[in-house]
Amino acid sequence: MKLYSKINPFILCHTIHRISEDKEGRIDITDPKEFLQISSLVLNEGKTFRPHKHIPQERNINITQESWVVIKGSVKAILYDLDDSILAEVILNAGDMSVTFCGGHNYVILEDDTRVLEFKNGPYNGQAADKVFID
């Protein structure tokens, strides 16, 4: 599910990906131009890749993008547009993922012992330098 801004319909604000819908192989979830690069891989036994390391590159990163992957339990994702209005409210279950490219987000945990992995690009310079709260 791709959620585009209502303010500017050419701007992709959020993506919801449900791993249960993946087929065998690689699915690139995020566009190559985004700072946060995410792919889903469904692989069979014996599959391997050539050993490698990544070449250092200068990157001009001027935005923080964030992803939540629900491992166990469920979460309500509240996803905001560029003007802080709500774009969507989506229930994420185990195996589901949200990606925020721009706009805001909030999460409400719906079950005890919910487990989530959070990913975002760094560096992280503390809450005061990183966040503006939506009221």
C-alpha atoms as a PDB file:
ATOM      1  CA  MET A   1       0.000   0.000   0.000  1.00  0.00           C
ATOM      2  CA  LYS A   2       1.460   3.356  -1.019  1.00  0.00           C
ATOM      3  CA  LEU A   3       0.137   6.516   0.630  1.00  0.00           C
ATOM      4  CA  TYR A   4       0.683   9.708  -1.342  1.00  0.00           C
ATOM      5  CA  SER A   5       0.297  13.199   0.057  1.00  0.00           C
ATOM      6  CA  LYS A   6      -3.089  14.865  -0.444  1.00  0.00           C
ATOM      7  CA  ILE A   7      -1.217  18.190  -0.459  1.00  0.00           C
ATOM      8  CA  ASN A   8       1.100  17.102  -3.295  1.00  0.00           C
ATOM      9  CA  PRO A   9      -0.070  13.834  -4.915  1.00  0.00           C
ATOM     10  CA  PHE A  10       3.384  13.298  -6.463  1.00  0.00           C
ATOM     11  CA  ILE A  11       5.021  12.840  -3.037  1.00  0.00           C
ATOM     12  CA  LEU A  12       5.001   9.349  -1.527  1.00  0.00           C
ATOM     13  CA  CYS A  13       4.770   9.791   2.261  1.00  0.00           C
ATOM     14  CA  HIS A  14       4.343   6.220   3.533  1.00  0.00           C
ATOM     15  CA  THR A  15       4.389   2.595   2.422  1.00  0.00           C
ATOM     16  CA  ILE A  16       2.791  -0.381   4.158  1.00  0.00           C
ATOM     17  CA  HIS A  17       4.224  -3.767   3.207  1.00  0.00           C
ATOM     18  CA  ARG A  18       2.735  -7.093   4.241  1.00  0.00           C
ATOM     19  CA  ILE A  19       5.334  -9.847   4.022  1.00  0.00           C
ATOM     20  CA  SER A  20       2.577 -12.472   3.822  1.00  0.00           C
ATOM     21  CA  GLU A  21       1.885 -11.242   0.267  1.00  0.00           C
ATOM     22  CA  ASP A  22       5.482 -11.742  -0.976  1.00  0.00           C
ATOM     23  CA  LYS A  23       6.324 -14.256  -3.690  1.00  0.00           C
ATOM     24  CA  GLU A  24       9.653 -16.036  -4.148  1.00  0.00           C
ATOM     25  CA  GLY A  25      12.564 -13.799  -5.021  1.00  0.00           C
ATOM     26  CA  ARG A  26      13.449 -10.200  -4.250  1.00  0.00           C
ATOM     27  CA  ILE A  27      10.971  -7.346  -3.952  1.00  0.00           C
ATOM     28  CA  ASP A  28      12.397  -3.837  -3.666  1.00  0.00           C
ATOM     29  CA  ILE A  29       9.981  -2.123  -1.326  1.00  0.00           C
ATOM     30  CA  THR A  30      11.548   1.334  -1.488  1.00  0.00           C
ATOM     31  CA  ASP A  31      12.531   3.309  -4.564  1.00  0.00           C
ATOM     32  CA  PRO A  32      16.302   3.508  -5.201  1.00  0.00           C
ATOM     33  CA  LYS A  33      16.172   7.314  -4.732  1.00  0.00           C
ATOM     34  CA  GLU A  34      15.051   7.016  -1.087  1.00  0.00           C
ATOM     35  CA  PHE A  35      17.596   7.191   1.734  1.00  0.00           C
ATOM     36  CA  LEU A  36      16.160   4.124   3.463  1.00  0.00           C
ATOM     37  CA  GLN A  37      16.583   1.121   1.167  1.00  0.00           C
ATOM     38  CA  ILE A  38      14.397  -1.881   1.984  1.00  0.00           C
ATOM     39  CA  SER A  39      13.875  -5.137   0.105  1.00  0.00           C
ATOM     40  CA  SER A  40      12.022  -8.318   0.961  1.00  0.00           C
ATOM     41  CA  LEU A  41      13.586 -11.639   0.048  1.00  0.00           C
ATOM     42  CA  VAL A  42      11.792 -14.984  -0.058  1.00  0.00           C
ATOM     43  CA  LEU A  43      14.528 -17.567  -0.538  1.00  0.00           C
ATOM     44  CA  ASN A  44      14.841 -21.330  -0.733  1.00  0.00           C
ATOM     45  CA  GLU A  45      17.384 -23.549   0.978  1.00  0.00           C
ATOM     46  CA  GLY A  46      20.842 -23.430  -0.598  1.00  0.00           C
ATOM     47  CA  LYS A  47      20.484 -19.922  -2.032  1.00  0.00           C
ATOM     48  CA  THR A  48      23.613 -17.854  -1.486  1.00  0.00           C
ATOM     49  CA  PHE A  49      25.223 -14.640  -2.626  1.00  0.00           C
ATOM     50  CA  ARG A  50      28.767 -13.676  -3.495  1.00  0.00           C
ATOM     51  CA  PRO A  51      30.609 -12.366  -0.419  1.00  0.00           C
ATOM     52  CA  HIS A  52      30.902  -8.601  -0.637  1.00  0.00           C
ATOM     53  CA  LYS A  53      31.304  -5.325   1.197  1.00  0.00           C
ATOM     54  CA  HIS A  54      29.993  -1.903   0.302  1.00  0.00           C
ATOM     55  CA  ILE A  55      32.053   0.917  -1.146  1.00  0.00           C
ATOM     56  CA  PRO A  56      32.043   4.073   0.998  1.00  0.00           C
ATOM     57  CA  GLN A  57      30.112   6.868  -0.702  1.00  0.00           C
ATOM     58  CA  GLU A  58      29.449  10.505   0.096  1.00  0.00           C
ATOM     59  CA  ARG A  59      25.734  10.849   0.744  1.00  0.00           C
ATOM     60  CA  ASN A  60      23.859  14.074   1.301  1.00  0.00           C
ATOM     61  CA  ILE A  61      21.150  12.995   3.731  1.00  0.00           C
ATOM     62  CA  ASN A  62      18.841  15.809   4.778  1.00  0.00           C
ATOM     63  CA  ILE A  63      15.825  13.850   5.997  1.00  0.00           C
ATOM     64  CA  THR A  64      15.166  11.049   8.468  1.00  0.00           C
ATOM     65  CA  GLN A  65      13.172   8.113   7.152  1.00  0.00           C
ATOM     66  CA  GLU A  66      11.873   5.414   9.485  1.00  0.00           C
ATOM     67  CA  SER A  67      10.511   1.896   9.276  1.00  0.00           C
ATOM     68  CA  TRP A  68       8.775  -0.313  11.829  1.00  0.00           C
ATOM     69  CA  VAL A  69       8.610  -4.094  11.347  1.00  0.00           C
ATOM     70  CA  VAL A  70       6.177  -5.910  13.630  1.00  0.00           C
ATOM     71  CA  ILE A  71       7.708  -9.191  14.795  1.00  0.00           C
ATOM     72  CA  LYS A  72       4.992 -10.179  17.292  1.00  0.00           C
ATOM     73  CA  GLY A  73       1.674  -8.656  18.284  1.00  0.00           C
ATOM     74  CA  SER A  74      -0.100  -5.771  16.580  1.00  0.00           C
ATOM     75  CA  VAL A  75       0.236  -2.026  16.218  1.00  0.00           C
ATOM     76  CA  LYS A  76      -2.035   0.727  14.918  1.00  0.00           C
ATOM     77  CA  ALA A  77      -0.008   3.038  12.669  1.00  0.00           C
ATOM     78  CA  ILE A  78      -1.369   6.577  12.372  1.00  0.00           C
ATOM     79  CA  LEU A  79       0.235   8.142   9.297  1.00  0.00           C
ATOM     80  CA  TYR A  80       0.262  11.883   8.669  1.00  0.00           C
ATOM     81  CA  ASP A  81       0.473  14.061   5.552  1.00  0.00           C
ATOM     82  CA  LEU A  82       2.843  16.979   4.963  1.00  0.00           C
ATOM     83  CA  ASP A  83       0.395  19.377   6.683  1.00  0.00           C
ATOM     84  CA  ASP A  84       0.038  17.110   9.768  1.00  0.00           C
ATOM     85  CA  SER A  85      -3.438  15.871   8.780  1.00  0.00           C
ATOM     86  CA  ILE A  86      -4.054  12.125   9.082  1.00  0.00           C
ATOM     87  CA  LEU A  87      -3.618  10.222   5.800  1.00  0.00           C
ATOM     88  CA  ALA A  88      -4.456   6.754   7.137  1.00  0.00           C
ATOM     89  CA  GLU A  89      -4.758   4.531  10.172  1.00  0.00           C
ATOM     90  CA  VAL A  90      -3.551   0.997   9.484  1.00  0.00           C
ATOM     91  CA  ILE A  91      -3.337  -2.106  11.682  1.00  0.00           C
ATOM     92  CA  LEU A  92       0.062  -3.807  11.420  1.00  0.00           C
ATOM     93  CA  ASN A  93       0.356  -7.461  12.443  1.00  0.00           C
ATOM     94  CA  ALA A  94       3.363  -9.772  12.732  1.00  0.00           C
ATOM     95  CA  GLY A  95       5.280  -9.619   9.443  1.00  0.00           C
ATOM     96  CA  ASP A  96       3.883  -6.216   8.435  1.00  0.00           C
ATOM     97  CA  MET A  97       6.010  -3.116   7.981  1.00  0.00           C
ATOM     98  CA  SER A  98       5.477   0.621   7.733  1.00  0.00           C
ATOM     99  CA  VAL A  99       7.928   2.984   6.049  1.00  0.00           C
ATOM    100  CA  THR A 100       7.751   6.749   6.534  1.00  0.00           C
ATOM    101  CA  PHE A 101       9.555   8.752   3.851  1.00  0.00           C
ATOM    102  CA  CYS A 102       8.054  12.114   4.838  1.00  0.00           C
ATOM    103  CA  GLY A 103       5.109  13.309   6.891  1.00  0.00           C
ATOM    104  CA  GLY A 104       4.578  12.168  10.442  1.00  0.00           C
ATOM    105  CA  HIS A 105       3.609   9.006  12.265  1.00  0.00           C
ATOM    106  CA  ASN A 106       2.391   7.664  15.567  1.00  0.00           C
ATOM    107  CA  TYR A 107       2.021   4.106  16.780  1.00  0.00           C
ATOM    108  CA  VAL A 108      -0.411   2.620  19.297  1.00  0.00           C
ATOM    109  CA  ILE A 109       0.535  -0.806  20.639  1.00  0.00           C
ATOM    110  CA  LEU A 110      -2.540  -3.055  20.599  1.00  0.00           C
ATOM    111  CA  GLU A 111      -1.259  -6.154  22.454  1.00  0.00           C
ATOM    112  CA  ASP A 112       0.977  -6.856  25.437  1.00  0.00           C
ATOM    113  CA  ASP A 113       4.470  -8.133  24.600  1.00  0.00           C
ATOM    114  CA  THR A 114       4.353  -6.682  21.077  1.00  0.00           C
ATOM    115  CA  ARG A 115       7.805  -6.809  19.464  1.00  0.00           C
ATOM    116  CA  VAL A 116       8.890  -4.287  16.840  1.00  0.00           C
ATOM    117  CA  LEU A 117      12.133  -3.582  15.020  1.00  0.00           C
ATOM    118  CA  GLU A 118      12.683   0.096  14.201  1.00  0.00           C
ATOM    119  CA  PHE A 119      15.039   1.208  11.434  1.00  0.00           C
ATOM    120  CA  LYS A 120      16.045   4.734  10.463  1.00  0.00           C
ATOM    121  CA  ASN A 121      19.007   6.441   8.940  1.00  0.00           C
ATOM    122  CA  GLY A 122      21.426   8.230  11.242  1.00  0.00           C
ATOM    123  CA  PRO A 123      23.164   9.848  12.795  1.00  0.00           C
ATOM    124  CA  TYR A 124      20.786  10.450  15.697  1.00  0.00           C
ATOM    125  CA  ASN A 125      21.570  13.712  17.504  1.00  0.00           C
ATOM    126  CA  GLY A 126      18.923  13.462  20.231  1.00  0.00           C
ATOM    127  CA  GLN A 127      15.213  14.212  20.404  1.00  0.00           C
ATOM    128  CA  ALA A 128      15.524  18.012  20.431  1.00  0.00           C
ATOM    129  CA  ALA A 129      17.475  18.003  17.142  1.00  0.00           C
ATOM    130  CA  ASP A 130      15.441  15.189  15.545  1.00  0.00           C
ATOM    131  CA  LYS A 131      11.710  15.652  16.206  1.00  0.00           C
ATOM    132  CA  VAL A 132       8.867  18.139  15.928  1.00  0.00           C
ATOM    133  CA  PHE A 133       5.744  16.899  17.716  1.00  0.00           C
ATOM    134  CA  ILE A 134       2.322  16.972  16.054  1.00  0.00           C
ATOM    135  CA  ASP A 135      -0.467  18.221  18.320  1.00  0.00           C
END
